[in-house]
């Protein structure tokens, strides 16, 4: 499930996004904001995956607001001004919705966001290998593994501390985990 918030200085625009998000089963719109300062506090305390963000806002434009965020959140810009499109994509926006946008166009943007979310989730770097041996589950950090030796239906994992762990795994299954 993709956790999202929406920031727009127009309450009607927030209602539209809330309505459209309710029609999509993979997005949970957690909160909406008209004030950027409140949104920033919330996002820093409760990180989200997706941000629906208006660009033309009273205090700070949406692009500058997006640059303030500490983590890499997926952003879909929603604005009535097409001249900001290039700037939006220069900060790696997933999509740019020009107001007023249809529900179909919103769903297309949501699907792009889901694809981006899944891609990022799959890119998370794994730093360890989980292996069951001797009735235990071992967490082996990659930098502690010297080499893995295949022995028929077993593998022997040689560690930097001199320990050898013998586990009932085919070498192919270990390679798949790596």
N, C-alpha and C. Protein backbone atom coordinates (compact mmCIF):
# COMPACT_ATOMS: atom_id res chain seq x y z
N UNK A 1 0.84 -1.18 0.00
CA UNK A 1 0.00 0.00 0.00
C UNK A 1 0.89 1.25 0.00
N UNK A 2 0.58 2.17 -0.86
CA UNK A 2 1.33 3.41 -0.97
C UNK A 2 0.69 4.45 -0.05
N UNK A 3 1.47 4.97 0.88
CA UNK A 3 0.98 6.01 1.79
C UNK A 3 1.24 7.37 1.15
N UNK A 4 0.21 8.22 1.14
CA UNK A 4 0.33 9.50 0.44
C UNK A 4 -0.24 10.64 1.27
N UNK A 5 0.21 11.85 0.95
CA UNK A 5 -0.40 13.09 1.44
C UNK A 5 -0.53 14.02 0.24
N UNK A 6 -1.43 14.99 0.40
CA UNK A 6 -1.64 15.96 -0.67
C UNK A 6 -1.53 17.36 -0.08
N UNK A 7 -0.85 18.24 -0.83
CA UNK A 7 -0.67 19.62 -0.40
C UNK A 7 -1.12 20.54 -1.54
N UNK A 8 -2.08 21.40 -1.21
CA UNK A 8 -2.60 22.34 -2.19
C UNK A 8 -3.24 23.49 -1.43
N UNK A 9 -3.09 24.69 -1.92
CA UNK A 9 -3.69 25.84 -1.23
C UNK A 9 -5.18 25.99 -1.55
N UNK A 10 -5.70 25.18 -2.46
CA UNK A 10 -7.12 25.21 -2.81
C UNK A 10 -7.83 24.01 -2.20
N UNK A 11 -8.72 24.22 -1.23
CA UNK A 11 -9.44 23.10 -0.61
C UNK A 11 -10.22 22.24 -1.61
N UNK A 12 -10.77 22.86 -2.66
CA UNK A 12 -11.52 22.10 -3.66
C UNK A 12 -10.61 21.10 -4.38
N UNK A 13 -9.38 21.51 -4.68
CA UNK A 13 -8.42 20.61 -5.33
C UNK A 13 -8.11 19.43 -4.41
N UNK A 14 -8.01 19.69 -3.11
CA UNK A 14 -7.75 18.60 -2.15
C UNK A 14 -8.93 17.64 -2.10
N UNK A 15 -10.14 18.15 -2.22
CA UNK A 15 -11.32 17.29 -2.23
C UNK A 15 -11.33 16.39 -3.47
N UNK A 16 -10.93 16.94 -4.60
CA UNK A 16 -10.88 16.15 -5.84
C UNK A 16 -9.86 15.02 -5.69
N UNK A 17 -8.67 15.35 -5.19
CA UNK A 17 -7.63 14.33 -5.02
C UNK A 17 -8.08 13.28 -4.00
N UNK A 18 -8.72 13.71 -2.92
CA UNK A 18 -9.24 12.76 -1.92
C UNK A 18 -10.24 11.81 -2.56
N UNK A 19 -11.14 12.35 -3.37
CA UNK A 19 -12.15 11.53 -4.05
C UNK A 19 -11.49 10.53 -5.01
N UNK A 20 -10.54 11.00 -5.80
CA UNK A 20 -9.88 10.12 -6.76
C UNK A 20 -9.05 9.04 -6.05
N UNK A 21 -8.38 9.40 -4.97
CA UNK A 21 -7.58 8.41 -4.23
C UNK A 21 -8.47 7.33 -3.63
N UNK A 22 -9.68 7.69 -3.23
CA UNK A 22 -10.61 6.71 -2.66
C UNK A 22 -11.01 5.66 -3.69
N UNK A 23 -10.86 5.97 -4.97
CA UNK A 23 -11.21 5.04 -6.05
C UNK A 23 -10.07 4.09 -6.39
N UNK A 24 -8.90 4.32 -5.80
CA UNK A 24 -7.71 3.53 -6.13
C UNK A 24 -7.35 2.68 -4.92
N UNK A 25 -7.25 1.37 -5.14
CA UNK A 25 -7.06 0.45 -4.02
C UNK A 25 -5.63 0.33 -3.51
N UNK A 26 -4.65 0.91 -4.18
CA UNK A 26 -3.27 0.77 -3.73
C UNK A 26 -2.68 2.06 -3.15
N UNK A 27 -3.52 3.09 -3.01
CA UNK A 27 -3.07 4.35 -2.41
C UNK A 27 -3.93 4.67 -1.19
N UNK A 28 -3.27 4.97 -0.08
CA UNK A 28 -3.95 5.46 1.11
C UNK A 28 -3.58 6.92 1.28
N UNK A 29 -4.53 7.79 1.07
CA UNK A 29 -4.30 9.22 1.29
C UNK A 29 -4.46 9.47 2.78
N UNK A 30 -3.34 9.64 3.48
CA UNK A 30 -3.37 9.76 4.92
C UNK A 30 -3.86 11.12 5.41
N UNK A 31 -3.50 12.17 4.69
CA UNK A 31 -3.85 13.51 5.15
C UNK A 31 -3.73 14.50 3.99
N UNK A 32 -4.46 15.60 4.11
CA UNK A 32 -4.35 16.69 3.14
C UNK A 32 -3.99 17.96 3.90
N UNK A 33 -3.28 18.85 3.21
CA UNK A 33 -2.81 20.09 3.84
C UNK A 33 -3.00 21.27 2.90
N UNK A 34 -3.36 22.42 3.49
CA UNK A 34 -3.36 23.67 2.74
C UNK A 34 -2.15 24.50 3.13
N UNK A 35 -1.55 24.19 4.28
CA UNK A 35 -0.37 24.92 4.76
C UNK A 35 0.88 24.06 4.63
N UNK A 36 1.88 24.57 3.96
CA UNK A 36 3.12 23.82 3.75
C UNK A 36 3.84 23.52 5.05
N UNK A 37 3.81 24.45 6.00
CA UNK A 37 4.53 24.25 7.26
C UNK A 37 3.97 23.05 8.02
N UNK A 38 2.65 22.92 8.05
CA UNK A 38 2.02 21.77 8.72
C UNK A 38 2.37 20.48 7.98
N UNK A 39 2.35 20.53 6.68
CA UNK A 39 2.67 19.36 5.88
C UNK A 39 4.11 18.91 6.12
N UNK A 40 5.02 19.86 6.17
CA UNK A 40 6.43 19.53 6.39
C UNK A 40 6.63 18.86 7.74
N UNK A 41 5.99 19.39 8.78
CA UNK A 41 6.08 18.78 10.12
C UNK A 41 5.56 17.35 10.08
N UNK A 42 4.42 17.17 9.44
CA UNK A 42 3.81 15.84 9.37
C UNK A 42 4.70 14.85 8.61
N UNK A 43 5.21 15.27 7.47
CA UNK A 43 6.02 14.38 6.63
C UNK A 43 7.32 14.01 7.34
N UNK A 44 7.90 14.93 8.06
CA UNK A 44 9.13 14.62 8.79
C UNK A 44 8.87 13.66 9.94
N UNK A 45 7.69 13.74 10.54
CA UNK A 45 7.36 12.85 11.65
C UNK A 45 6.82 11.51 11.15
N UNK A 46 6.03 11.55 10.08
CA UNK A 46 5.42 10.35 9.52
C UNK A 46 5.74 10.29 8.03
N UNK A 47 6.89 9.76 7.65
CA UNK A 47 7.29 9.73 6.23
C UNK A 47 6.24 9.01 5.36
N UNK A 48 6.08 9.51 4.16
CA UNK A 48 5.13 8.94 3.22
C UNK A 48 5.88 8.50 1.96
N UNK A 49 5.18 7.74 1.13
CA UNK A 49 5.77 7.24 -0.11
C UNK A 49 5.49 8.17 -1.29
N UNK A 50 4.34 8.84 -1.25
CA UNK A 50 3.86 9.62 -2.39
C UNK A 50 3.33 10.97 -1.93
N UNK A 51 3.63 11.97 -2.73
CA UNK A 51 3.20 13.33 -2.43
C UNK A 51 2.49 13.91 -3.65
N UNK A 52 1.23 14.32 -3.47
CA UNK A 52 0.52 15.08 -4.49
C UNK A 52 0.75 16.54 -4.11
N UNK A 53 1.40 17.29 -4.98
CA UNK A 53 1.88 18.61 -4.59
C UNK A 53 1.56 19.66 -5.65
N UNK A 54 0.87 20.71 -5.21
CA UNK A 54 0.62 21.86 -6.07
C UNK A 54 1.91 22.65 -6.20
N UNK A 55 2.16 23.22 -7.35
CA UNK A 55 3.39 24.01 -7.53
C UNK A 55 3.17 25.47 -7.16
N UNK A 56 2.12 26.07 -7.68
CA UNK A 56 1.88 27.50 -7.43
C UNK A 56 1.15 27.65 -6.10
N UNK A 57 1.93 28.01 -5.05
CA UNK A 57 1.37 28.18 -3.72
C UNK A 57 1.83 29.51 -3.13
N UNK A 58 1.11 30.05 -2.14
CA UNK A 58 1.40 31.40 -1.63
C UNK A 58 2.81 31.59 -1.04
N UNK A 59 3.25 30.75 -0.15
CA UNK A 59 4.53 30.97 0.54
C UNK A 59 5.73 30.56 -0.27
N UNK A 60 5.76 29.33 -0.68
CA UNK A 60 6.89 28.76 -1.39
C UNK A 60 6.33 27.88 -2.49
N UNK A 61 6.94 27.92 -3.66
CA UNK A 61 6.38 27.06 -4.70
C UNK A 61 6.67 25.59 -4.38
N UNK A 62 5.87 24.71 -4.97
CA UNK A 62 5.94 23.29 -4.66
C UNK A 62 7.28 22.66 -4.96
N UNK A 63 7.96 23.15 -5.97
CA UNK A 63 9.27 22.58 -6.32
C UNK A 63 10.28 22.88 -5.21
N UNK A 64 10.28 24.11 -4.71
CA UNK A 64 11.19 24.45 -3.60
C UNK A 64 10.82 23.67 -2.34
N UNK A 65 9.52 23.49 -2.10
CA UNK A 65 9.08 22.69 -0.96
C UNK A 65 9.58 21.26 -1.07
N UNK A 66 9.46 20.68 -2.25
CA UNK A 66 9.90 19.31 -2.48
C UNK A 66 11.39 19.14 -2.19
N UNK A 67 12.16 20.15 -2.54
CA UNK A 67 13.61 20.10 -2.30
C UNK A 67 13.95 20.12 -0.81
N UNK A 68 13.03 20.59 0.04
CA UNK A 68 13.25 20.63 1.49
C UNK A 68 13.15 19.26 2.15
N UNK A 69 12.50 18.33 1.49
CA UNK A 69 12.25 17.02 2.10
C UNK A 69 13.54 16.23 2.27
N UNK A 70 13.63 15.55 3.41
CA UNK A 70 14.84 14.81 3.76
C UNK A 70 14.98 13.50 2.99
N UNK A 71 13.90 12.84 2.73
CA UNK A 71 13.98 11.55 2.05
C UNK A 71 13.45 11.66 0.63
N UNK A 72 13.68 10.61 -0.11
CA UNK A 72 13.30 10.59 -1.52
C UNK A 72 11.86 10.10 -1.66
N UNK A 73 10.93 11.02 -1.71
CA UNK A 73 9.52 10.68 -1.83
C UNK A 73 9.09 10.84 -3.29
N UNK A 74 8.20 9.97 -3.74
CA UNK A 74 7.66 10.05 -5.09
C UNK A 74 6.73 11.26 -5.13
N UNK A 75 6.83 12.06 -6.18
CA UNK A 75 5.99 13.26 -6.26
C UNK A 75 5.22 13.31 -7.58
N UNK A 76 3.94 13.66 -7.44
CA UNK A 76 3.10 13.97 -8.59
C UNK A 76 2.69 15.42 -8.41
N UNK A 77 3.15 16.27 -9.30
CA UNK A 77 2.78 17.68 -9.23
C UNK A 77 1.39 17.88 -9.82
N UNK A 78 0.59 18.68 -9.13
CA UNK A 78 -0.75 19.02 -9.60
C UNK A 78 -0.82 20.53 -9.65
N UNK A 79 -0.99 21.09 -10.83
CA UNK A 79 -0.98 22.54 -10.95
C UNK A 79 -1.80 22.98 -12.16
N UNK A 80 -2.17 24.24 -12.14
CA UNK A 80 -2.92 24.81 -13.27
C UNK A 80 -1.99 25.49 -14.26
N UNK A 81 -0.68 25.46 -14.00
CA UNK A 81 0.27 26.20 -14.83
C UNK A 81 1.21 25.24 -15.56
N UNK A 82 1.09 25.18 -16.86
CA UNK A 82 1.91 24.25 -17.65
C UNK A 82 3.37 24.69 -17.73
N UNK A 83 3.66 25.96 -17.48
CA UNK A 83 5.05 26.43 -17.62
C UNK A 83 6.00 25.85 -16.58
N UNK A 84 5.46 25.20 -15.55
CA UNK A 84 6.31 24.59 -14.52
C UNK A 84 6.68 23.14 -14.83
N UNK A 85 6.16 22.60 -15.91
CA UNK A 85 6.35 21.18 -16.21
C UNK A 85 7.82 20.79 -16.28
N UNK A 86 8.62 21.55 -17.00
CA UNK A 86 10.04 21.21 -17.14
C UNK A 86 10.73 21.25 -15.78
N UNK A 87 10.44 22.29 -14.99
CA UNK A 87 11.03 22.38 -13.65
C UNK A 87 10.62 21.18 -12.79
N UNK A 88 9.37 20.75 -12.93
CA UNK A 88 8.88 19.61 -12.18
C UNK A 88 9.63 18.34 -12.51
N UNK A 89 9.87 18.12 -13.77
CA UNK A 89 10.59 16.90 -14.17
C UNK A 89 12.08 17.01 -13.87
N UNK A 90 12.60 18.22 -13.73
CA UNK A 90 14.01 18.39 -13.35
C UNK A 90 14.29 17.94 -11.92
N UNK A 91 13.25 17.84 -11.09
CA UNK A 91 13.44 17.31 -9.74
C UNK A 91 12.90 15.88 -9.66
N UNK A 92 12.87 15.21 -10.80
CA UNK A 92 12.48 13.80 -10.91
C UNK A 92 11.04 13.52 -10.50
N UNK A 93 10.14 14.38 -10.89
CA UNK A 93 8.72 14.13 -10.64
C UNK A 93 8.29 12.89 -11.41
N UNK A 94 7.45 12.09 -10.81
CA UNK A 94 6.93 10.91 -11.48
C UNK A 94 5.89 11.29 -12.52
N UNK A 95 5.10 12.32 -12.20
CA UNK A 95 4.05 12.75 -13.12
C UNK A 95 3.72 14.21 -12.86
N UNK A 96 3.07 14.81 -13.85
CA UNK A 96 2.69 16.21 -13.81
C UNK A 96 1.25 16.30 -14.28
N UNK A 97 0.33 16.60 -13.35
CA UNK A 97 -1.08 16.68 -13.71
C UNK A 97 -1.49 18.14 -13.85
N UNK A 98 -2.00 18.48 -15.01
CA UNK A 98 -2.43 19.84 -15.29
C UNK A 98 -3.92 19.97 -14.94
N UNK A 99 -4.23 20.87 -14.01
CA UNK A 99 -5.62 21.08 -13.57
C UNK A 99 -6.42 21.77 -14.67
N UNK A 100 -7.66 21.45 -14.82
CA UNK A 100 -8.39 20.36 -14.16
C UNK A 100 -8.09 19.04 -14.86
N UNK A 101 -7.86 18.00 -14.10
CA UNK A 101 -7.55 16.70 -14.69
C UNK A 101 -8.69 15.72 -14.42
N UNK A 102 -8.84 14.78 -15.32
CA UNK A 102 -9.92 13.79 -15.22
C UNK A 102 -9.51 12.66 -14.28
N UNK A 103 -10.49 11.88 -13.89
CA UNK A 103 -10.22 10.72 -13.05
C UNK A 103 -9.34 9.72 -13.80
N UNK A 104 -9.58 9.58 -15.09
CA UNK A 104 -8.77 8.66 -15.90
C UNK A 104 -7.31 9.10 -15.92
N UNK A 105 -7.09 10.38 -16.11
CA UNK A 105 -5.72 10.92 -16.12
C UNK A 105 -5.07 10.74 -14.75
N UNK A 106 -5.84 10.91 -13.69
CA UNK A 106 -5.34 10.71 -12.33
C UNK A 106 -4.93 9.24 -12.13
N UNK A 107 -5.76 8.33 -12.62
CA UNK A 107 -5.44 6.89 -12.49
C UNK A 107 -4.16 6.54 -13.23
N UNK A 108 -3.94 7.15 -14.40
CA UNK A 108 -2.69 6.92 -15.13
C UNK A 108 -1.49 7.37 -14.30
N UNK A 109 -1.61 8.53 -13.68
CA UNK A 109 -0.53 9.04 -12.83
C UNK A 109 -0.32 8.13 -11.63
N UNK A 110 -1.41 7.65 -11.05
CA UNK A 110 -1.31 6.75 -9.90
C UNK A 110 -0.61 5.44 -10.29
N UNK A 111 -0.90 4.93 -11.47
CA UNK A 111 -0.24 3.71 -11.94
C UNK A 111 1.26 3.94 -12.12
N UNK A 112 1.63 5.10 -12.65
CA UNK A 112 3.05 5.43 -12.78
C UNK A 112 3.71 5.48 -11.40
N UNK A 113 3.00 6.06 -10.44
CA UNK A 113 3.54 6.14 -9.08
C UNK A 113 3.70 4.74 -8.49
N UNK A 114 2.73 3.86 -8.75
CA UNK A 114 2.84 2.49 -8.24
C UNK A 114 4.03 1.77 -8.87
N UNK A 115 4.23 1.96 -10.17
CA UNK A 115 5.38 1.35 -10.82
C UNK A 115 6.69 1.86 -10.22
N UNK A 116 6.75 3.15 -9.98
CA UNK A 116 7.94 3.76 -9.37
C UNK A 116 8.15 3.21 -7.95
N UNK A 117 7.06 3.09 -7.20
CA UNK A 117 7.11 2.56 -5.83
C UNK A 117 7.64 1.13 -5.83
N UNK A 118 7.11 0.29 -6.71
CA UNK A 118 7.55 -1.11 -6.80
C UNK A 118 9.01 -1.19 -7.23
N UNK A 119 9.39 -0.37 -8.18
CA UNK A 119 10.78 -0.35 -8.65
C UNK A 119 11.72 0.02 -7.50
N UNK A 120 11.38 1.05 -6.75
CA UNK A 120 12.23 1.47 -5.64
C UNK A 120 12.28 0.42 -4.54
N UNK A 121 11.15 -0.23 -4.31
CA UNK A 121 11.10 -1.27 -3.28
C UNK A 121 12.02 -2.44 -3.65
N UNK A 122 12.05 -2.79 -4.92
CA UNK A 122 12.89 -3.88 -5.39
C UNK A 122 14.36 -3.51 -5.43
N UNK A 123 14.65 -2.21 -5.45
CA UNK A 123 16.03 -1.75 -5.50
C UNK A 123 16.72 -1.69 -4.15
N UNK A 124 15.94 -1.87 -3.08
CA UNK A 124 16.55 -1.77 -1.76
C UNK A 124 17.71 -2.75 -1.68
N UNK A 125 18.81 -2.24 -1.21
CA UNK A 125 20.04 -3.02 -1.21
C UNK A 125 20.06 -3.98 -0.03
N UNK A 126 20.23 -5.23 -0.35
CA UNK A 126 20.32 -6.26 0.68
C UNK A 126 21.76 -6.33 1.17
N UNK A 127 21.95 -6.42 2.47
CA UNK A 127 23.29 -6.43 3.05
C UNK A 127 23.62 -7.74 3.73
N UNK A 128 22.68 -8.67 3.71
CA UNK A 128 22.90 -9.91 4.45
C UNK A 128 22.21 -11.09 3.76
N UNK A 129 22.55 -12.26 4.24
CA UNK A 129 21.99 -13.52 3.74
C UNK A 129 21.41 -14.25 4.94
N UNK A 130 20.18 -14.70 4.83
CA UNK A 130 19.55 -15.48 5.91
C UNK A 130 19.65 -16.96 5.53
N UNK A 131 20.23 -17.75 6.44
CA UNK A 131 20.43 -19.18 6.18
C UNK A 131 19.99 -19.98 7.41
N UNK A 132 19.23 -21.04 7.16
CA UNK A 132 18.82 -21.93 8.25
C UNK A 132 19.77 -23.13 8.26
N UNK A 133 20.40 -23.36 9.42
CA UNK A 133 21.31 -24.49 9.60
C UNK A 133 21.37 -24.83 11.08
N UNK A 134 21.56 -26.09 11.39
CA UNK A 134 21.68 -26.55 12.79
C UNK A 134 20.51 -26.07 13.65
N UNK A 135 19.30 -26.14 13.11
CA UNK A 135 18.08 -25.74 13.81
C UNK A 135 18.09 -24.27 14.24
N UNK A 136 18.86 -23.45 13.55
CA UNK A 136 18.93 -22.02 13.84
C UNK A 136 18.78 -21.25 12.53
N UNK A 137 18.46 -19.97 12.67
CA UNK A 137 18.42 -19.08 11.53
C UNK A 137 19.58 -18.10 11.68
N UNK A 138 20.50 -18.14 10.72
CA UNK A 138 21.68 -17.28 10.78
C UNK A 138 21.49 -16.08 9.86
N UNK A 139 21.88 -14.92 10.38
CA UNK A 139 21.94 -13.71 9.55
C UNK A 139 23.42 -13.46 9.30
N UNK A 140 23.82 -13.63 8.04
CA UNK A 140 25.22 -13.50 7.67
C UNK A 140 25.41 -12.24 6.84
N UNK A 141 26.13 -11.29 7.36
CA UNK A 141 26.43 -10.08 6.61
C UNK A 141 27.33 -10.44 5.43
N UNK A 142 27.09 -9.84 4.29
CA UNK A 142 27.86 -10.16 3.10
C UNK A 142 29.36 -9.96 3.31
N UNK A 143 29.73 -8.92 4.04
CA UNK A 143 31.16 -8.65 4.21
C UNK A 143 31.84 -9.63 5.16
N UNK A 144 31.08 -10.55 5.79
CA UNK A 144 31.70 -11.58 6.64
C UNK A 144 31.85 -12.91 5.90
N UNK A 145 31.30 -13.01 4.70
CA UNK A 145 31.38 -14.25 3.92
C UNK A 145 32.62 -14.20 3.03
N UNK A 146 33.49 -15.20 3.21
CA UNK A 146 34.68 -15.29 2.37
C UNK A 146 34.32 -15.98 1.04
N UNK A 147 33.73 -17.17 1.15
CA UNK A 147 33.24 -17.86 -0.04
C UNK A 147 32.23 -18.91 0.37
N UNK A 148 31.48 -19.40 -0.63
CA UNK A 148 30.47 -20.42 -0.40
C UNK A 148 30.83 -21.62 -1.28
N UNK A 149 30.92 -22.75 -0.64
CA UNK A 149 31.34 -23.98 -1.31
C UNK A 149 30.13 -24.89 -1.50
N UNK A 150 29.91 -25.37 -2.72
CA UNK A 150 28.81 -26.27 -3.01
C UNK A 150 29.21 -27.71 -2.76
N UNK A 151 28.32 -28.47 -2.09
CA UNK A 151 28.56 -29.89 -1.79
C UNK A 151 27.25 -30.65 -2.00
N UNK A 152 26.97 -31.07 -3.23
CA UNK A 152 25.72 -31.73 -3.59
C UNK A 152 24.52 -30.90 -3.16
N UNK A 153 23.72 -31.39 -2.20
CA UNK A 153 22.52 -30.68 -1.74
C UNK A 153 22.82 -29.73 -0.58
N UNK A 154 24.08 -29.54 -0.29
CA UNK A 154 24.48 -28.69 0.83
C UNK A 154 25.42 -27.59 0.33
N UNK A 155 25.56 -26.57 1.14
CA UNK A 155 26.58 -25.55 0.91
C UNK A 155 27.33 -25.35 2.22
N UNK A 156 28.61 -25.04 2.08
CA UNK A 156 29.41 -24.70 3.26
C UNK A 156 29.83 -23.23 3.08
N UNK A 157 29.43 -22.43 4.07
CA UNK A 157 29.70 -20.99 4.00
C UNK A 157 30.88 -20.69 4.92
N UNK A 158 31.94 -20.18 4.34
CA UNK A 158 33.15 -19.86 5.08
C UNK A 158 33.11 -18.38 5.48
N UNK A 159 33.25 -18.10 6.78
CA UNK A 159 33.16 -16.75 7.29
C UNK A 159 34.53 -16.21 7.69
N UNK A 160 34.64 -14.90 7.79
CA UNK A 160 35.92 -14.25 8.11
C UNK A 160 36.43 -14.62 9.50
N UNK A 161 35.55 -14.99 10.42
CA UNK A 161 35.99 -15.35 11.77
C UNK A 161 36.41 -16.83 11.88
N UNK A 162 36.48 -17.51 10.74
CA UNK A 162 36.92 -18.91 10.72
C UNK A 162 35.78 -19.91 10.83
N UNK A 163 34.61 -19.47 11.12
CA UNK A 163 33.45 -20.34 11.25
C UNK A 163 33.02 -20.85 9.87
N UNK A 164 32.55 -22.10 9.86
CA UNK A 164 31.98 -22.68 8.65
C UNK A 164 30.57 -23.13 8.99
N UNK A 165 29.63 -22.70 8.18
CA UNK A 165 28.24 -23.08 8.39
C UNK A 165 27.82 -23.98 7.24
N UNK A 166 27.33 -25.17 7.60
CA UNK A 166 26.86 -26.11 6.60
C UNK A 166 25.33 -26.07 6.62
N UNK A 167 24.76 -25.78 5.46
CA UNK A 167 23.30 -25.67 5.36
C UNK A 167 22.81 -26.52 4.21
N UNK A 168 21.61 -27.05 4.39
CA UNK A 168 21.01 -27.85 3.33
C UNK A 168 20.33 -26.92 2.33
N UNK A 169 21.11 -26.50 1.35
CA UNK A 169 20.64 -25.64 0.26
C UNK A 169 21.42 -26.03 -0.98
N UNK A 170 20.78 -26.01 -2.11
CA UNK A 170 21.51 -26.15 -3.36
C UNK A 170 22.21 -24.83 -3.63
N UNK A 171 23.32 -24.88 -4.31
CA UNK A 171 24.06 -23.66 -4.63
C UNK A 171 23.17 -22.70 -5.42
N UNK A 172 22.31 -23.24 -6.27
CA UNK A 172 21.41 -22.38 -7.06
C UNK A 172 20.51 -21.57 -6.15
N UNK A 173 19.97 -22.16 -5.10
CA UNK A 173 19.06 -21.42 -4.21
C UNK A 173 19.81 -20.33 -3.44
N UNK A 174 21.06 -20.58 -3.09
CA UNK A 174 21.88 -19.55 -2.43
C UNK A 174 22.16 -18.42 -3.40
N UNK A 175 22.48 -18.76 -4.65
CA UNK A 175 22.73 -17.73 -5.66
C UNK A 175 21.49 -16.88 -5.90
N UNK A 176 20.31 -17.53 -5.89
CA UNK A 176 19.07 -16.78 -6.05
C UNK A 176 18.87 -15.79 -4.90
N UNK A 177 19.23 -16.19 -3.68
CA UNK A 177 19.10 -15.30 -2.52
C UNK A 177 20.08 -14.14 -2.61
N UNK A 178 21.24 -14.40 -3.20
CA UNK A 178 22.23 -13.35 -3.32
C UNK A 178 21.85 -12.39 -4.44
